[in-house]
Amino acid sequence: MAPRRPKGKSRRREVPKESPNPNQAVSAYTTVYLAHQKMVGRVVIAWSTLEGAMQSLIWEFLNLGMSDGRIITSRLDASTMIAMLRALGIRHLVPEQLQDFLDLLATIEGYRLDRNFIVHGQWIILQPHSVPAAMSLRPEAEAGGVISETFPTERLYEIVHHIEDSRNRLIALEDAIRTSRDRLLQPHPKD
């Protein structure tokens, strides 16, 4: 059995000082440039706020406050929330709103896959052009194979932009439902 760490002692390592050259690798643990690491962090933060918007929209569809809504959504992953939102949209949204909402959820699902690859992939730099890429042992890979995908800075900026746009659209729908529930949602008697 591994020795327990003393209370109050963090497992965190000291973060290396930022290099004046953003293309310089920052530690022995990675060869991914600091500027690129920051963009990966932006993807993570943007995704976190998108998941919060998905939770809030589920609560609004179900007409729940935060205390009750958290009971429903606190343990749900993004994939489950997307499926739940799709079902709630099909059941409740008026037809004029439905297709745009389903298209938005399809977009979010695509960026969920990118986010997972970015967060869970092993990062490398492809030579000779120094292109950042992530590698993964995904189930889609051939037996014994590895999948890699490039994520240059421009692509990460695009991913962050689309995640933030999707979040803003979910928040706008939540606000619209809150203020115009009768106009945007179909009435359903309780089963």
N, C-alpha and C. Protein backbone atom coordinates (compact mmCIF):
# COMPACT_ATOMS: atom_id res chain seq x y z
N MET A 1 0.84 -1.17 0.00
CA MET A 1 0.00 0.00 0.00
C MET A 1 0.89 1.24 0.00
N ALA A 2 0.54 2.19 -0.82
CA ALA A 2 1.33 3.42 -0.95
C ALA A 2 1.18 4.26 0.32
N PRO A 3 2.25 4.94 0.72
CA PRO A 3 2.14 5.79 1.91
C PRO A 3 1.17 6.94 1.66
N ARG A 4 0.44 7.29 2.69
CA ARG A 4 -0.53 8.39 2.59
C ARG A 4 0.23 9.70 2.63
N ARG A 5 -0.28 10.65 1.94
CA ARG A 5 0.35 11.96 1.96
C ARG A 5 -0.13 12.70 3.20
N PRO A 6 0.75 13.44 3.84
CA PRO A 6 0.35 14.19 5.05
C PRO A 6 -0.73 15.20 4.72
N LYS A 7 -1.64 15.40 5.67
CA LYS A 7 -2.70 16.38 5.47
C LYS A 7 -2.09 17.74 5.18
N GLY A 8 -2.75 18.45 4.27
CA GLY A 8 -2.29 19.78 3.92
C GLY A 8 -1.22 19.81 2.85
N LYS A 9 -0.68 18.66 2.48
CA LYS A 9 0.35 18.63 1.44
C LYS A 9 -0.32 18.40 0.10
N SER A 10 -0.04 19.26 -0.84
CA SER A 10 -0.63 19.18 -2.16
C SER A 10 0.17 18.26 -3.06
N ARG A 11 -0.52 17.62 -3.99
CA ARG A 11 0.17 16.81 -4.99
C ARG A 11 0.58 17.67 -6.18
N ARG A 12 0.19 18.90 -6.17
CA ARG A 12 0.49 19.79 -7.29
C ARG A 12 1.97 20.12 -7.31
N ARG A 13 2.47 20.22 -8.51
CA ARG A 13 3.86 20.63 -8.70
C ARG A 13 3.89 22.11 -8.99
N GLU A 14 5.01 22.72 -8.69
CA GLU A 14 5.17 24.14 -8.98
C GLU A 14 5.11 24.34 -10.50
N VAL A 15 4.35 25.34 -10.91
CA VAL A 15 4.23 25.64 -12.33
C VAL A 15 5.48 26.37 -12.78
N PRO A 16 6.10 25.91 -13.88
CA PRO A 16 7.30 26.59 -14.36
C PRO A 16 6.99 28.04 -14.73
N LYS A 17 7.97 28.91 -14.56
CA LYS A 17 7.82 30.31 -14.94
C LYS A 17 7.60 30.38 -16.45
N GLU A 18 6.78 31.33 -16.86
CA GLU A 18 6.50 31.49 -18.27
C GLU A 18 7.75 31.95 -19.00
N SER A 19 8.01 31.33 -20.12
CA SER A 19 9.16 31.68 -20.92
C SER A 19 8.84 32.93 -21.74
N PRO A 20 9.81 33.81 -21.96
CA PRO A 20 9.54 34.95 -22.81
C PRO A 20 9.26 34.55 -24.25
N ASN A 21 9.65 33.34 -24.64
CA ASN A 21 9.39 32.84 -25.98
C ASN A 21 8.20 31.88 -25.91
N PRO A 22 7.03 32.25 -26.45
CA PRO A 22 5.84 31.40 -26.33
C PRO A 22 5.97 30.07 -27.06
N ASN A 23 6.95 29.93 -27.95
CA ASN A 23 7.13 28.68 -28.67
C ASN A 23 8.11 27.74 -27.99
N GLN A 24 8.63 28.14 -26.85
CA GLN A 24 9.57 27.31 -26.12
C GLN A 24 8.80 26.33 -25.24
N ALA A 25 9.22 25.06 -25.27
CA ALA A 25 8.59 24.08 -24.40
C ALA A 25 8.87 24.45 -22.94
N VAL A 26 7.91 24.15 -22.04
CA VAL A 26 8.05 24.63 -20.67
C VAL A 26 8.50 23.59 -19.67
N SER A 27 8.45 22.34 -19.98
CA SER A 27 8.86 21.35 -18.99
C SER A 27 9.31 20.08 -19.68
N ALA A 28 9.91 19.21 -18.90
CA ALA A 28 10.36 17.93 -19.44
C ALA A 28 9.18 16.99 -19.69
N TYR A 29 8.01 17.31 -19.13
CA TYR A 29 6.86 16.43 -19.25
C TYR A 29 6.13 16.57 -20.57
N THR A 30 6.36 17.66 -21.26
CA THR A 30 5.65 17.87 -22.51
C THR A 30 6.54 18.63 -23.48
N THR A 31 6.28 18.42 -24.75
CA THR A 31 6.97 19.20 -25.77
C THR A 31 6.01 20.18 -26.42
N VAL A 32 4.82 20.32 -25.88
CA VAL A 32 3.82 21.23 -26.43
C VAL A 32 4.12 22.63 -25.92
N TYR A 33 4.13 23.57 -26.80
CA TYR A 33 4.50 24.94 -26.47
C TYR A 33 3.53 25.59 -25.51
N LEU A 34 4.03 26.50 -24.70
CA LEU A 34 3.23 27.17 -23.69
C LEU A 34 2.02 27.87 -24.30
N ALA A 35 2.18 28.55 -25.41
CA ALA A 35 1.05 29.24 -26.05
C ALA A 35 -0.03 28.23 -26.41
N HIS A 36 0.37 27.05 -26.85
CA HIS A 36 -0.60 26.02 -27.21
C HIS A 36 -1.27 25.44 -25.96
N GLN A 37 -0.50 25.27 -24.90
CA GLN A 37 -1.08 24.79 -23.64
C GLN A 37 -2.17 25.75 -23.16
N LYS A 38 -1.94 27.03 -23.32
CA LYS A 38 -2.95 28.02 -22.92
C LYS A 38 -4.23 27.86 -23.74
N MET A 39 -4.09 27.59 -25.03
CA MET A 39 -5.27 27.39 -25.87
C MET A 39 -6.03 26.13 -25.44
N VAL A 40 -5.31 25.08 -25.08
CA VAL A 40 -5.98 23.87 -24.57
C VAL A 40 -6.76 24.23 -23.31
N GLY A 41 -6.17 25.05 -22.45
CA GLY A 41 -6.88 25.52 -21.26
C GLY A 41 -8.13 26.30 -21.60
N ARG A 42 -8.07 27.11 -22.65
CA ARG A 42 -9.26 27.86 -23.06
C ARG A 42 -10.37 26.92 -23.54
N VAL A 43 -9.99 25.84 -24.23
CA VAL A 43 -10.99 24.85 -24.64
C VAL A 43 -11.67 24.26 -23.41
N VAL A 44 -10.88 23.91 -22.41
CA VAL A 44 -11.41 23.31 -21.18
C VAL A 44 -12.37 24.28 -20.49
N ILE A 45 -11.97 25.53 -20.35
CA ILE A 45 -12.81 26.52 -19.66
C ILE A 45 -14.08 26.79 -20.45
N ALA A 46 -13.96 26.94 -21.76
CA ALA A 46 -15.15 27.19 -22.59
C ALA A 46 -16.11 26.01 -22.48
N TRP A 47 -15.57 24.79 -22.50
CA TRP A 47 -16.44 23.62 -22.41
C TRP A 47 -17.15 23.56 -21.06
N SER A 48 -16.46 23.89 -20.01
CA SER A 48 -17.06 23.88 -18.68
C SER A 48 -18.26 24.83 -18.62
N THR A 49 -18.12 26.01 -19.20
CA THR A 49 -19.24 26.96 -19.18
C THR A 49 -20.38 26.47 -20.09
N LEU A 50 -20.04 25.77 -21.16
CA LEU A 50 -21.09 25.20 -22.02
C LEU A 50 -21.87 24.13 -21.26
N GLU A 51 -21.17 23.28 -20.51
CA GLU A 51 -21.87 22.27 -19.71
C GLU A 51 -22.79 22.92 -18.68
N GLY A 52 -22.35 24.03 -18.09
CA GLY A 52 -23.21 24.76 -17.16
C GLY A 52 -24.45 25.28 -17.85
N ALA A 53 -24.31 25.76 -19.09
CA ALA A 53 -25.47 26.25 -19.84
C ALA A 53 -26.41 25.10 -20.20
N MET A 54 -25.85 23.92 -20.49
CA MET A 54 -26.71 22.76 -20.77
C MET A 54 -27.52 22.39 -19.53
N GLN A 55 -26.87 22.39 -18.37
CA GLN A 55 -27.59 22.09 -17.14
C GLN A 55 -28.72 23.10 -16.90
N SER A 56 -28.41 24.37 -17.04
CA SER A 56 -29.42 25.41 -16.80
C SER A 56 -30.60 25.28 -17.75
N LEU A 57 -30.33 24.92 -19.00
CA LEU A 57 -31.42 24.77 -19.97
C LEU A 57 -32.28 23.56 -19.61
N ILE A 58 -31.68 22.48 -19.17
CA ILE A 58 -32.47 21.32 -18.72
C ILE A 58 -33.38 21.75 -17.57
N TRP A 59 -32.84 22.50 -16.62
CA TRP A 59 -33.65 22.96 -15.50
C TRP A 59 -34.81 23.82 -15.99
N GLU A 60 -34.54 24.67 -16.98
CA GLU A 60 -35.60 25.56 -17.49
C GLU A 60 -36.67 24.76 -18.22
N PHE A 61 -36.27 23.79 -19.04
CA PHE A 61 -37.26 22.92 -19.71
C PHE A 61 -38.16 22.26 -18.66
N LEU A 62 -37.56 21.78 -17.58
CA LEU A 62 -38.31 21.07 -16.55
C LEU A 62 -38.94 22.00 -15.53
N ASN A 63 -38.67 23.31 -15.69
CA ASN A 63 -39.23 24.33 -14.79
C ASN A 63 -38.78 24.08 -13.34
N LEU A 64 -37.49 23.85 -13.18
CA LEU A 64 -36.90 23.58 -11.87
C LEU A 64 -35.95 24.70 -11.48
N GLY A 65 -35.87 24.97 -10.21
CA GLY A 65 -34.85 25.87 -9.70
C GLY A 65 -33.53 25.15 -9.58
N MET A 66 -32.49 25.88 -9.17
CA MET A 66 -31.16 25.30 -9.10
C MET A 66 -31.08 24.15 -8.09
N SER A 67 -31.70 24.31 -6.93
CA SER A 67 -31.59 23.26 -5.90
C SER A 67 -32.14 21.93 -6.38
N ASP A 68 -33.31 21.95 -7.01
CA ASP A 68 -33.88 20.70 -7.54
C ASP A 68 -33.19 20.28 -8.83
N GLY A 69 -32.84 21.25 -9.66
CA GLY A 69 -32.19 20.93 -10.93
C GLY A 69 -30.86 20.23 -10.74
N ARG A 70 -30.10 20.66 -9.74
CA ARG A 70 -28.81 20.02 -9.47
C ARG A 70 -28.96 18.55 -9.13
N ILE A 71 -30.07 18.19 -8.48
CA ILE A 71 -30.32 16.78 -8.16
C ILE A 71 -30.39 15.97 -9.45
N ILE A 72 -30.98 16.56 -10.49
CA ILE A 72 -31.14 15.87 -11.77
C ILE A 72 -29.85 15.84 -12.57
N THR A 73 -29.12 16.95 -12.61
CA THR A 73 -28.02 17.08 -13.58
C THR A 73 -26.60 17.00 -13.02
N SER A 74 -26.42 17.02 -11.72
CA SER A 74 -25.07 17.16 -11.18
C SER A 74 -24.13 16.02 -11.57
N ARG A 75 -24.64 14.84 -11.81
CA ARG A 75 -23.78 13.70 -12.15
C ARG A 75 -23.81 13.34 -13.64
N LEU A 76 -24.48 14.16 -14.45
CA LEU A 76 -24.59 13.84 -15.87
C LEU A 76 -23.36 14.32 -16.62
N ASP A 77 -22.89 13.49 -17.55
CA ASP A 77 -21.82 13.94 -18.43
C ASP A 77 -22.43 14.66 -19.63
N ALA A 78 -21.59 15.25 -20.44
CA ALA A 78 -22.08 16.06 -21.57
C ALA A 78 -22.90 15.22 -22.55
N SER A 79 -22.47 14.01 -22.82
CA SER A 79 -23.19 13.15 -23.76
C SER A 79 -24.62 12.90 -23.29
N THR A 80 -24.77 12.64 -22.01
CA THR A 80 -26.10 12.39 -21.45
C THR A 80 -26.94 13.66 -21.47
N MET A 81 -26.33 14.81 -21.17
CA MET A 81 -27.09 16.06 -21.21
C MET A 81 -27.54 16.40 -22.63
N ILE A 82 -26.69 16.12 -23.62
CA ILE A 82 -27.08 16.36 -25.02
C ILE A 82 -28.28 15.50 -25.38
N ALA A 83 -28.24 14.22 -25.01
CA ALA A 83 -29.37 13.32 -25.29
C ALA A 83 -30.63 13.78 -24.56
N MET A 84 -30.48 14.22 -23.32
CA MET A 84 -31.63 14.69 -22.56
C MET A 84 -32.21 15.96 -23.19
N LEU A 85 -31.34 16.88 -23.58
CA LEU A 85 -31.82 18.10 -24.23
C LEU A 85 -32.52 17.80 -25.55
N ARG A 86 -32.00 16.83 -26.31
CA ARG A 86 -32.64 16.45 -27.56
C ARG A 86 -34.05 15.92 -27.29
N ALA A 87 -34.20 15.06 -26.30
CA ALA A 87 -35.51 14.51 -25.96
C ALA A 87 -36.45 15.60 -25.46
N LEU A 88 -35.95 16.49 -24.62
CA LEU A 88 -36.78 17.59 -24.10
C LEU A 88 -37.18 18.54 -25.22
N GLY A 89 -36.26 18.82 -26.13
CA GLY A 89 -36.58 19.70 -27.26
C GLY A 89 -37.65 19.09 -28.15
N ILE A 90 -37.50 17.82 -28.48
CA ILE A 90 -38.50 17.15 -29.33
C ILE A 90 -39.86 17.15 -28.65
N ARG A 91 -39.88 16.92 -27.38
CA ARG A 91 -41.16 16.86 -26.64
C ARG A 91 -41.78 18.23 -26.43
N HIS A 92 -40.97 19.26 -26.19
CA HIS A 92 -41.52 20.52 -25.72
C HIS A 92 -41.43 21.72 -26.67
N LEU A 93 -40.40 21.81 -27.49
CA LEU A 93 -40.25 23.00 -28.32
C LEU A 93 -41.30 23.05 -29.43
N VAL A 94 -41.73 24.26 -29.74
CA VAL A 94 -42.65 24.43 -30.87
C VAL A 94 -41.88 24.09 -32.15
N PRO A 95 -42.60 23.62 -33.18
CA PRO A 95 -41.92 23.16 -34.40
C PRO A 95 -40.99 24.20 -35.03
N GLU A 96 -41.34 25.48 -34.95
CA GLU A 96 -40.51 26.51 -35.57
C GLU A 96 -39.13 26.62 -34.91
N GLN A 97 -38.99 26.20 -33.68
CA GLN A 97 -37.73 26.29 -32.94
C GLN A 97 -36.94 24.98 -32.96
N LEU A 98 -37.61 23.89 -33.26
CA LEU A 98 -37.02 22.57 -33.04
C LEU A 98 -35.80 22.28 -33.91
N GLN A 99 -35.88 22.49 -35.23
CA GLN A 99 -34.78 22.08 -36.09
C GLN A 99 -33.49 22.84 -35.78
N ASP A 100 -33.59 24.14 -35.53
CA ASP A 100 -32.40 24.91 -35.16
C ASP A 100 -31.79 24.36 -33.88
N PHE A 101 -32.63 23.98 -32.94
CA PHE A 101 -32.14 23.44 -31.67
C PHE A 101 -31.45 22.09 -31.88
N LEU A 102 -32.05 21.23 -32.69
CA LEU A 102 -31.43 19.93 -32.97
C LEU A 102 -30.10 20.09 -33.71
N ASP A 103 -30.04 21.06 -34.63
CA ASP A 103 -28.79 21.34 -35.33
C ASP A 103 -27.72 21.83 -34.35
N LEU A 104 -28.12 22.68 -33.41
CA LEU A 104 -27.19 23.17 -32.39
C LEU A 104 -26.66 22.02 -31.56
N LEU A 105 -27.52 21.11 -31.16
CA LEU A 105 -27.07 19.95 -30.37
C LEU A 105 -26.12 19.06 -31.16
N ALA A 106 -26.36 18.93 -32.47
CA ALA A 106 -25.44 18.15 -33.31
C ALA A 106 -24.07 18.83 -33.37
N THR A 107 -24.06 20.15 -33.45
CA THR A 107 -22.80 20.90 -33.42
C THR A 107 -22.08 20.69 -32.10
N ILE A 108 -22.82 20.78 -31.01
CA ILE A 108 -22.22 20.58 -29.68
C ILE A 108 -21.65 19.17 -29.57
N GLU A 109 -22.34 18.18 -30.09
CA GLU A 109 -21.85 16.81 -30.05
C GLU A 109 -20.51 16.69 -30.79
N GLY A 110 -20.40 17.34 -31.94
CA GLY A 110 -19.15 17.31 -32.69
C GLY A 110 -18.00 17.93 -31.90
N TYR A 111 -18.27 19.04 -31.24
CA TYR A 111 -17.23 19.68 -30.44
C TYR A 111 -16.96 18.93 -29.14
N ARG A 112 -17.92 18.15 -28.68
CA ARG A 112 -17.67 17.29 -27.52
C ARG A 112 -16.60 16.26 -27.86
N LEU A 113 -16.69 15.71 -29.05
CA LEU A 113 -15.68 14.73 -29.48
C LEU A 113 -14.30 15.38 -29.59
N ASP A 114 -14.26 16.60 -30.16
CA ASP A 114 -12.98 17.33 -30.22
C ASP A 114 -12.45 17.60 -28.83
N ARG A 115 -13.32 18.09 -27.94
CA ARG A 115 -12.91 18.42 -26.57
C ARG A 115 -12.32 17.19 -25.88
N ASN A 116 -12.98 16.05 -26.03
CA ASN A 116 -12.48 14.83 -25.39
C ASN A 116 -11.12 14.42 -25.94
N PHE A 117 -10.93 14.57 -27.25
CA PHE A 117 -9.65 14.23 -27.85
C PHE A 117 -8.57 15.18 -27.32
N ILE A 118 -8.91 16.46 -27.24
CA ILE A 118 -7.96 17.47 -26.76
C ILE A 118 -7.58 17.22 -25.30
N VAL A 119 -8.58 16.94 -24.47
CA VAL A 119 -8.34 16.79 -23.04
C VAL A 119 -7.69 15.45 -22.70
N HIS A 120 -8.09 14.39 -23.36
CA HIS A 120 -7.62 13.05 -22.98
C HIS A 120 -6.51 12.50 -23.87
N GLY A 121 -6.21 13.19 -24.96
CA GLY A 121 -5.15 12.73 -25.85
C GLY A 121 -3.77 12.97 -25.28
N GLN A 122 -2.81 12.24 -25.79
CA GLN A 122 -1.41 12.47 -25.42
C GLN A 122 -0.83 13.40 -26.48
N TRP A 123 -0.32 14.53 -26.03
CA TRP A 123 0.13 15.58 -26.94
C TRP A 123 1.55 15.36 -27.43
N ILE A 124 1.72 15.64 -28.71
CA ILE A 124 3.03 15.53 -29.37
C ILE A 124 3.17 16.73 -30.33
N ILE A 125 4.36 16.90 -30.85
CA ILE A 125 4.62 17.89 -31.90
C ILE A 125 5.08 17.12 -33.14
N LEU A 126 4.32 17.25 -34.22
CA LEU A 126 4.69 16.57 -35.47
C LEU A 126 5.75 17.38 -36.19
N GLN A 127 6.77 16.70 -36.63
CA GLN A 127 7.87 17.34 -37.34
C GLN A 127 7.74 17.01 -38.82
N PRO A 128 8.22 17.76 -39.72
CA PRO A 128 9.19 18.84 -39.53
C PRO A 128 8.54 20.23 -39.37
N HIS A 129 7.23 20.30 -39.36
CA HIS A 129 6.57 21.62 -39.34
C HIS A 129 6.10 22.05 -37.96
N SER A 130 6.43 21.31 -36.92
CA SER A 130 6.08 21.65 -35.53
C SER A 130 4.58 21.87 -35.35
N VAL A 131 3.79 20.90 -35.80
CA VAL A 131 2.34 20.98 -35.68
C VAL A 131 1.90 20.19 -34.45
N PRO A 132 1.22 20.83 -33.48
CA PRO A 132 0.73 20.10 -32.31
C PRO A 132 -0.34 19.09 -32.70
N ALA A 133 -0.29 17.93 -32.09
CA ALA A 133 -1.27 16.88 -32.35
C ALA A 133 -1.52 16.12 -31.06
N ALA A 134 -2.67 15.47 -31.02
CA ALA A 134 -3.00 14.61 -29.89
C ALA A 134 -3.13 13.18 -30.41
N MET A 135 -2.64 12.23 -29.61
CA MET A 135 -2.75 10.81 -29.96
C MET A 135 -3.71 10.15 -28.97
N SER A 136 -4.40 9.11 -29.46
CA SER A 136 -5.36 8.43 -28.59
C SER A 136 -5.45 6.97 -28.98
N LEU A 137 -5.73 6.14 -28.00
CA LEU A 137 -5.99 4.72 -28.23
C LEU A 137 -7.50 4.51 -28.29
N ARG A 138 -8.17 5.28 -29.11
CA ARG A 138 -9.62 5.23 -29.20
C ARG A 138 -10.09 3.88 -29.72
N PRO A 139 -11.32 3.51 -29.36
CA PRO A 139 -11.86 2.23 -29.85
C PRO A 139 -11.94 2.16 -31.38
N GLU A 140 -12.03 3.33 -32.06
CA GLU A 140 -12.12 3.32 -33.52
C GLU A 140 -10.81 2.93 -34.18
N ALA A 141 -9.71 2.99 -33.44
CA ALA A 141 -8.40 2.64 -34.01
C ALA A 141 -8.35 1.13 -34.27
N GLU A 142 -7.61 0.77 -35.29
CA GLU A 142 -7.39 -0.65 -35.55
C GLU A 142 -6.72 -1.28 -34.35
N ALA A 143 -6.90 -2.57 -34.18
CA ALA A 143 -6.29 -3.26 -33.05
C ALA A 143 -4.80 -2.95 -33.00
N GLY A 144 -4.34 -2.47 -31.86
CA GLY A 144 -2.95 -2.12 -31.69
C GLY A 144 -2.57 -0.79 -32.30
N GLY A 145 -3.54 -0.09 -32.88
CA GLY A 145 -3.25 1.17 -33.54
C GLY A 145 -3.52 2.38 -32.66
N VAL A 146 -3.01 3.49 -33.11
CA VAL A 146 -3.18 4.77 -32.42
C VAL A 146 -3.73 5.77 -33.42
N ILE A 147 -4.68 6.56 -32.98
CA ILE A 147 -5.22 7.63 -33.82
C ILE A 147 -4.56 8.93 -33.39
N SER A 148 -4.18 9.75 -34.35
CA SER A 148 -3.68 11.08 -34.00
C SER A 148 -4.45 12.11 -34.81
N GLU A 149 -4.57 13.29 -34.24
CA GLU A 149 -5.29 14.36 -34.90
C GLU A 149 -4.55 15.66 -34.61
N THR A 150 -4.39 16.48 -35.63
CA THR A 150 -3.67 17.74 -35.43
C THR A 150 -4.62 18.81 -34.90
N PHE A 151 -4.09 19.63 -34.02
CA PHE A 151 -4.83 20.75 -33.44
C PHE A 151 -3.95 21.99 -33.45
N PRO A 152 -3.71 22.58 -34.66
CA PRO A 152 -2.95 23.82 -34.67
C PRO A 152 -3.71 24.92 -33.93
N THR A 153 -3.01 25.96 -33.57
CA THR A 153 -3.60 27.05 -32.79
C THR A 153 -4.87 27.59 -33.43
N GLU A 154 -4.86 27.76 -34.74
CA GLU A 154 -6.04 28.31 -35.43
C GLU A 154 -7.26 27.42 -35.22
N ARG A 155 -7.04 26.11 -35.24
CA ARG A 155 -8.16 25.19 -35.03
C ARG A 155 -8.67 25.29 -33.59
N LEU A 156 -7.77 25.41 -32.63
CA LEU A 156 -8.20 25.56 -31.24
C LEU A 156 -9.00 26.85 -31.05
N TYR A 157 -8.56 27.94 -31.69
CA TYR A 157 -9.32 29.20 -31.63
C TYR A 157 -10.73 28.98 -32.18
N GLU A 158 -10.82 28.27 -33.30
CA GLU A 158 -12.12 27.99 -33.92
C GLU A 158 -13.00 27.15 -32.99
N ILE A 159 -12.42 26.14 -32.37
CA ILE A 159 -13.17 25.29 -31.45
C ILE A 159 -13.68 26.11 -30.28
N VAL A 160 -12.83 26.94 -29.69
CA VAL A 160 -13.26 27.80 -28.57
C VAL A 160 -14.39 28.71 -29.03
N HIS A 161 -14.24 29.32 -30.21
CA HIS A 161 -15.29 30.22 -30.72
C HIS A 161 -16.62 29.50 -30.85
N HIS A 162 -16.61 28.30 -31.42
CA HIS A 162 -17.87 27.56 -31.64
C HIS A 162 -18.47 27.07 -30.32
N ILE A 163 -17.63 26.68 -29.38
CA ILE A 163 -18.14 26.28 -28.06
C ILE A 163 -18.79 27.48 -27.38
N GLU A 164 -18.13 28.64 -27.42
CA GLU A 164 -18.69 29.84 -26.79
C GLU A 164 -19.97 30.29 -27.50
N ASP A 165 -20.01 30.20 -28.83
CA ASP A 165 -21.22 30.54 -29.58
C ASP A 165 -22.36 29.60 -29.20
N SER A 166 -22.06 28.31 -29.09
CA SER A 166 -23.09 27.33 -28.71
C SER A 166 -23.62 27.63 -27.31
N ARG A 167 -22.71 27.95 -26.38
CA ARG A 167 -23.14 28.32 -25.03
C ARG A 167 -24.05 29.53 -25.07
N ASN A 168 -23.69 30.55 -25.83
CA ASN A 168 -24.51 31.76 -25.92
C ASN A 168 -25.89 31.46 -26.50
N ARG A 169 -25.94 30.58 -27.47
CA ARG A 169 -27.24 30.21 -28.06
C ARG A 169 -28.11 29.44 -27.06
N LEU A 170 -27.50 28.56 -26.26
CA LEU A 170 -28.26 27.85 -25.23
C LEU A 170 -28.78 28.82 -24.18
N ILE A 171 -27.95 29.77 -23.77
CA ILE A 171 -28.37 30.77 -22.79
C ILE A 171 -29.51 31.62 -23.34
N ALA A 172 -29.42 32.00 -24.62
CA ALA A 172 -30.49 32.79 -25.24
C ALA A 172 -31.79 32.00 -25.27
N LEU A 173 -31.73 30.70 -25.57
CA LEU A 173 -32.94 29.88 -25.57
C LEU A 173 -33.51 29.75 -24.16
N GLU A 174 -32.63 29.55 -23.19
CA GLU A 174 -33.09 29.47 -21.79
C GLU A 174 -33.81 30.76 -21.40
N ASP A 175 -33.22 31.91 -21.72
CA ASP A 175 -33.85 33.20 -21.41
C ASP A 175 -35.19 33.34 -22.13
N ALA A 176 -35.24 32.92 -23.40
CA ALA A 176 -36.48 33.02 -24.17
C ALA A 176 -37.56 32.13 -23.56
N ILE A 177 -37.21 30.93 -23.15
CA ILE A 177 -38.19 30.04 -22.52
C ILE A 177 -38.69 30.65 -21.21
N ARG A 178 -37.77 31.20 -20.43
CA ARG A 178 -38.14 31.79 -19.15
C ARG A 178 -39.14 32.94 -19.33
N THR A 179 -38.93 33.76 -20.36
CA THR A 179 -39.77 34.94 -20.54
C THR A 179 -40.97 34.70 -21.44
N SER A 180 -40.92 33.65 -22.27
CA SER A 180 -42.02 33.39 -23.22
C SER A 180 -42.38 31.91 -23.25
N ARG A 181 -42.49 31.31 -22.12
CA ARG A 181 -42.75 29.87 -22.01
C ARG A 181 -43.94 29.43 -22.86
N ASP A 182 -45.03 30.21 -22.83
CA ASP A 182 -46.25 29.84 -23.58
C ASP A 182 -46.05 29.88 -25.09
N ARG A 183 -45.13 30.73 -25.55
CA ARG A 183 -44.92 30.89 -26.98
C ARG A 183 -43.93 29.86 -27.54
N LEU A 184 -42.98 29.43 -26.73
CA LEU A 184 -41.91 28.55 -27.22
C LEU A 184 -42.10 27.07 -26.90
N LEU A 185 -42.90 26.77 -25.90
CA LEU A 185 -43.08 25.38 -25.50
C LEU A 185 -44.50 24.92 -25.79
N GLN A 186 -44.60 23.69 -26.24
CA GLN A 186 -45.92 23.09 -26.49
C GLN A 186 -46.51 22.64 -25.15
N PRO A 187 -47.79 22.87 -24.96
CA PRO A 187 -48.41 22.40 -23.71
C PRO A 187 -48.57 20.88 -23.72
N HIS A 188 -48.27 20.28 -22.61
CA HIS A 188 -48.43 18.83 -22.46
C HIS A 188 -49.12 18.56 -21.13
N PRO A 189 -50.20 17.78 -21.17
CA PRO A 189 -50.79 17.41 -19.88
C PRO A 189 -49.85 16.43 -19.18
N LYS A 190 -49.91 16.43 -17.85
CA LYS A 190 -49.11 15.47 -17.11
C LYS A 190 -49.57 14.06 -17.44
N ASP A 191 -48.63 13.16 -17.63
CA ASP A 191 -48.97 11.77 -17.97
C ASP A 191 -49.52 11.06 -16.77
